[in-house]
Amino acid sequence: MMRWVFALLLALSATAHAETPAPEIKRLLDGAYAQLGVTLLYDSSYRPIAFPGGDVPLYRGVCSDVVVRAYRSIGVDLQLLVNQDMTRAFAAYPHLWGLSHPDPNIDHRRVPNLQAFFGRHGERLPISANAADYRPGDIVTWRLPSGHPHIGLVSDRTAEGRPLVVHNIGWGARLEDTLFDYPITGHYRYRPPEQGTTG
């Protein structure tokens, strides 16, 4: 409860980013903010879901779901896009789970797969300790102390000059000052294809 109160106070005290995001990035971030206070649980269990457009119940999810849902809110279905890309170039994706073919139930919900996708179809940007290098809408991945990968979306709000991140690290979707809390393993900028190309 105290963690949730602290996160809420941080969000209320956050200031706008010095850079005004483009309208499409603003809509992307609105899709991320809409998850705050709605996605309350972290649940990494495997679940069969519809394809395309499938999702687990909105009140639960993992870190990758924050990014997937934000993009889906602007009409970009990463479930479909990742599946299509893995079908075309399966060898370009990590083989960490013993799969011999794509699985649309889970592939887009795995951080290493999203890293491969964004690296192939977006901009792979330098990893930096300079907060100004991270722009609203950028995607960042980390390695947690547990060794697990993590992903989040850079917001247009700041705290003490650092951009806040929308992510789910175990307590639901939060807006937090965590950009430099863990080793950064990837920094990406993905501007989606034209509306209507995702099926």
Protein backbone atom coordinates (compact mmCIF):
# COMPACT_ATOMS: atom_id res chain seq x y z
CA MET A 1 0.00 0.00 0.00
CA MET A 2 2.79 2.42 0.92
CA ARG A 3 4.55 1.69 -2.38
CA TRP A 4 1.37 2.57 -4.28
CA VAL A 5 0.95 5.82 -2.31
CA PHE A 6 4.58 6.76 -3.01
CA ALA A 7 4.14 6.05 -6.73
CA LEU A 8 0.99 8.20 -6.80
CA LEU A 9 2.75 11.09 -5.04
CA LEU A 10 5.65 10.80 -7.48
CA ALA A 11 3.30 10.93 -10.45
CA LEU A 12 1.53 13.99 -9.03
CA SER A 13 4.82 15.79 -8.40
CA ALA A 14 6.29 14.97 -11.80
CA THR A 15 6.83 17.81 -14.23
CA ALA A 16 6.33 17.81 -17.96
CA HIS A 17 9.32 16.86 -20.10
CA ALA A 18 11.11 19.82 -21.65
CA GLU A 19 10.35 18.38 -25.08
CA THR A 20 6.73 18.36 -26.21
CA PRO A 21 6.13 14.99 -27.86
CA ALA A 22 4.69 14.69 -31.35
CA PRO A 23 0.95 13.94 -31.47
CA GLU A 24 1.46 10.22 -32.23
CA ILE A 25 3.87 9.87 -29.28
CA LYS A 26 1.41 11.73 -27.05
CA ARG A 27 -1.27 9.20 -28.03
CA LEU A 28 1.15 6.33 -27.39
CA LEU A 29 1.92 7.68 -23.93
CA ASP A 30 -1.76 8.23 -23.23
CA GLY A 31 -2.18 4.51 -23.93
CA ALA A 32 0.50 3.76 -21.38
CA TYR A 33 -0.93 6.16 -18.77
CA ALA A 34 -4.37 4.58 -19.21
CA GLN A 35 -2.95 1.42 -17.65
CA LEU A 36 -2.01 3.16 -14.39
CA GLY A 37 -4.36 2.12 -11.62
CA VAL A 38 -5.96 -0.43 -13.97
CA THR A 39 -3.27 -3.09 -14.41
CA LEU A 40 -2.74 -3.92 -10.75
CA LEU A 41 -1.08 -7.34 -10.82
CA TYR A 42 2.07 -8.88 -12.24
CA ASP A 43 1.29 -12.27 -13.74
CA SER A 44 3.73 -14.03 -16.08
CA SER A 45 1.76 -17.26 -16.45
CA TYR A 46 1.29 -18.66 -19.95
CA ARG A 47 -2.24 -18.20 -21.25
CA PRO A 48 -3.78 -19.01 -24.63
CA ILE A 49 -5.09 -15.76 -26.11
CA ALA A 50 -6.81 -14.69 -29.30
CA PHE A 51 -4.75 -13.88 -32.39
CA PRO A 52 -4.45 -11.22 -33.56
CA GLY A 53 -5.52 -8.66 -31.00
CA GLY A 54 -5.28 -11.04 -28.05
CA ASP A 55 -4.53 -10.01 -24.49
CA VAL A 56 -4.67 -11.31 -20.97
CA PRO A 57 -7.19 -9.58 -18.66
CA LEU A 58 -6.27 -5.89 -18.40
CA TYR A 59 -5.95 -5.93 -14.61
CA ARG A 60 -2.95 -8.27 -14.85
CA GLY A 61 0.13 -8.60 -17.02
CA VAL A 62 3.90 -8.31 -17.25
CA CYS A 63 6.31 -5.54 -18.19
CA SER A 64 6.05 -6.26 -21.90
CA ASP A 65 2.27 -5.92 -21.75
CA VAL A 66 2.67 -2.23 -20.85
CA VAL A 67 4.46 -1.62 -24.15
CA VAL A 68 2.19 -3.92 -26.17
CA ARG A 69 -0.96 -2.27 -24.81
CA ALA A 70 0.39 1.24 -25.36
CA TYR A 71 1.08 0.51 -29.02
CA ARG A 72 -2.22 -1.32 -29.43
CA SER A 73 -3.98 1.81 -28.19
CA ILE A 74 -2.76 3.58 -31.35
CA GLY A 75 -3.72 0.70 -33.64
CA VAL A 76 -0.36 -1.11 -33.75
CA ASP A 77 -0.59 -4.79 -32.82
CA LEU A 78 2.84 -6.00 -31.72
CA GLN A 79 1.41 -9.48 -31.24
CA LEU A 80 0.76 -9.62 -34.97
CA LEU A 81 3.90 -7.78 -36.06
CA VAL A 82 6.24 -9.89 -33.92
CA ASN A 83 4.55 -13.07 -35.12
CA GLN A 84 4.87 -12.02 -38.76
CA ASP A 85 8.53 -11.13 -38.33
CA MET A 86 9.33 -14.32 -36.45
CA THR A 87 7.59 -16.34 -39.15
CA ARG A 88 9.79 -14.67 -41.77
CA ALA A 89 13.03 -14.67 -39.78
CA PHE A 90 12.77 -17.10 -36.87
CA ALA A 91 16.56 -17.45 -36.65
CA ALA A 92 16.88 -13.71 -35.92
CA TYR A 93 15.10 -14.15 -32.60
CA PRO A 94 16.47 -15.60 -29.34
CA HIS A 95 16.03 -19.33 -28.91
CA LEU A 96 15.70 -19.33 -25.15
CA TRP A 97 12.51 -21.31 -24.71
CA GLY A 98 13.03 -24.43 -26.81
CA LEU A 99 10.50 -23.42 -29.46
CA SER A 100 10.83 -24.56 -33.06
CA HIS A 101 8.23 -22.14 -34.43
CA PRO A 102 6.50 -18.90 -33.40
CA ASP A 103 3.87 -18.96 -30.66
CA PRO A 104 1.47 -15.98 -30.90
CA ASN A 105 0.25 -16.58 -27.35
CA ILE A 106 3.53 -15.54 -25.78
CA ASP A 107 6.23 -14.36 -28.22
CA HIS A 108 5.29 -10.65 -28.06
CA ARG A 109 5.19 -10.83 -24.25
CA ARG A 110 8.86 -11.82 -23.96
CA VAL A 111 11.34 -8.98 -23.55
CA PRO A 112 14.17 -10.56 -25.63
CA ASN A 113 11.76 -10.97 -28.54
CA LEU A 114 10.66 -7.34 -28.32
CA GLN A 115 14.31 -6.30 -28.24
CA ALA A 116 14.93 -8.28 -31.42
CA PHE A 117 11.86 -6.80 -33.09
CA PHE A 118 12.62 -3.18 -32.15
CA GLY A 119 16.25 -3.66 -33.13
CA ARG A 120 15.20 -4.97 -36.55
CA HIS A 121 12.38 -2.53 -37.30
CA GLY A 122 13.09 0.54 -35.18
CA GLU A 123 16.13 2.57 -34.21
CA ARG A 124 18.69 0.95 -31.92
CA LEU A 125 20.02 3.90 -29.93
CA PRO A 126 23.14 4.26 -27.77
CA ILE A 127 22.89 3.37 -24.10
CA SER A 128 23.70 6.49 -22.15
CA ALA A 129 23.85 7.75 -18.58
CA ASN A 130 22.57 11.14 -19.78
CA ALA A 131 18.88 11.60 -19.04
CA ALA A 132 18.52 14.02 -21.97
CA ASP A 133 19.26 11.19 -24.42
CA TYR A 134 15.98 9.45 -23.56
CA ARG A 135 13.01 10.98 -25.32
CA PRO A 136 9.28 10.50 -24.67
CA GLY A 137 8.08 7.28 -26.28
CA ASP A 138 11.51 5.62 -26.27
CA ILE A 139 11.67 1.99 -25.19
CA VAL A 140 14.26 0.91 -22.64
CA THR A 141 15.25 -2.57 -21.50
CA TRP A 142 17.15 -3.47 -18.35
CA ARG A 143 18.73 -6.45 -16.62
CA LEU A 144 17.28 -6.78 -13.11
CA PRO A 145 19.36 -7.99 -10.14
CA SER A 146 17.55 -11.32 -10.48
CA GLY A 147 18.98 -11.65 -13.98
CA HIS A 148 15.56 -11.26 -15.60
CA PRO A 149 15.08 -8.82 -18.49
CA HIS A 150 12.73 -5.87 -18.07
CA ILE A 151 11.16 -3.31 -20.40
CA GLY A 152 9.42 0.03 -20.07
CA LEU A 153 8.34 3.15 -21.93
CA VAL A 154 9.95 6.55 -21.37
CA SER A 155 7.30 9.09 -20.42
CA ASP A 156 7.00 12.83 -21.06
CA ARG A 157 7.14 13.54 -17.32
CA THR A 158 10.25 14.06 -15.25
CA ALA A 159 11.49 14.07 -11.68
CA GLU A 160 14.63 16.08 -10.95
CA GLY A 161 15.47 16.14 -14.64
CA ARG A 162 15.09 12.40 -15.18
CA PRO A 163 12.29 11.09 -17.37
CA LEU A 164 9.89 8.82 -15.54
CA VAL A 165 9.18 5.37 -16.95
CA VAL A 166 5.88 3.53 -17.34
CA HIS A 167 6.49 -0.13 -16.50
CA ASN A 168 5.31 -3.13 -14.49
CA ILE A 169 8.04 -4.56 -12.35
CA GLY A 170 5.83 -6.55 -10.02
CA TRP A 171 3.08 -4.30 -8.65
CA GLY A 172 1.10 -3.43 -11.74
CA ALA A 173 1.58 -0.58 -14.18
CA ARG A 174 3.39 2.33 -12.53
CA LEU A 175 4.93 5.68 -13.47
CA GLU A 176 8.25 5.73 -11.65
CA ASP A 177 11.70 7.29 -11.50
CA THR A 178 13.58 4.09 -12.37
CA LEU A 179 15.42 4.85 -15.61
CA PHE A 180 18.86 4.45 -14.06
CA ASP A 181 18.01 2.02 -11.26
CA TYR A 182 19.20 -1.06 -13.19
CA PRO A 183 21.76 -1.72 -15.93
CA ILE A 184 20.28 -0.66 -19.26
CA THR A 185 20.60 -3.33 -21.95
CA GLY A 186 18.75 -1.65 -24.81
CA HIS A 187 17.44 1.72 -25.97
CA TYR A 188 15.05 1.78 -28.93
CA ARG A 189 12.85 4.20 -30.80
CA TYR A 190 10.02 2.58 -32.73
CA ARG A 191 7.80 4.68 -34.92
CA PRO A 192 5.00 2.41 -36.04
CA PRO A 193 4.00 1.68 -39.63
CA GLU A 194 1.05 3.49 -41.14
CA GLN A 195 -2.29 2.80 -39.50
CA GLY A 196 -4.06 -0.15 -41.04
CA THR A 197 -0.94 -2.24 -41.75
CA THR A 198 -1.34 -4.39 -38.65
CA GLY A 199 -4.26 -6.41 -39.82
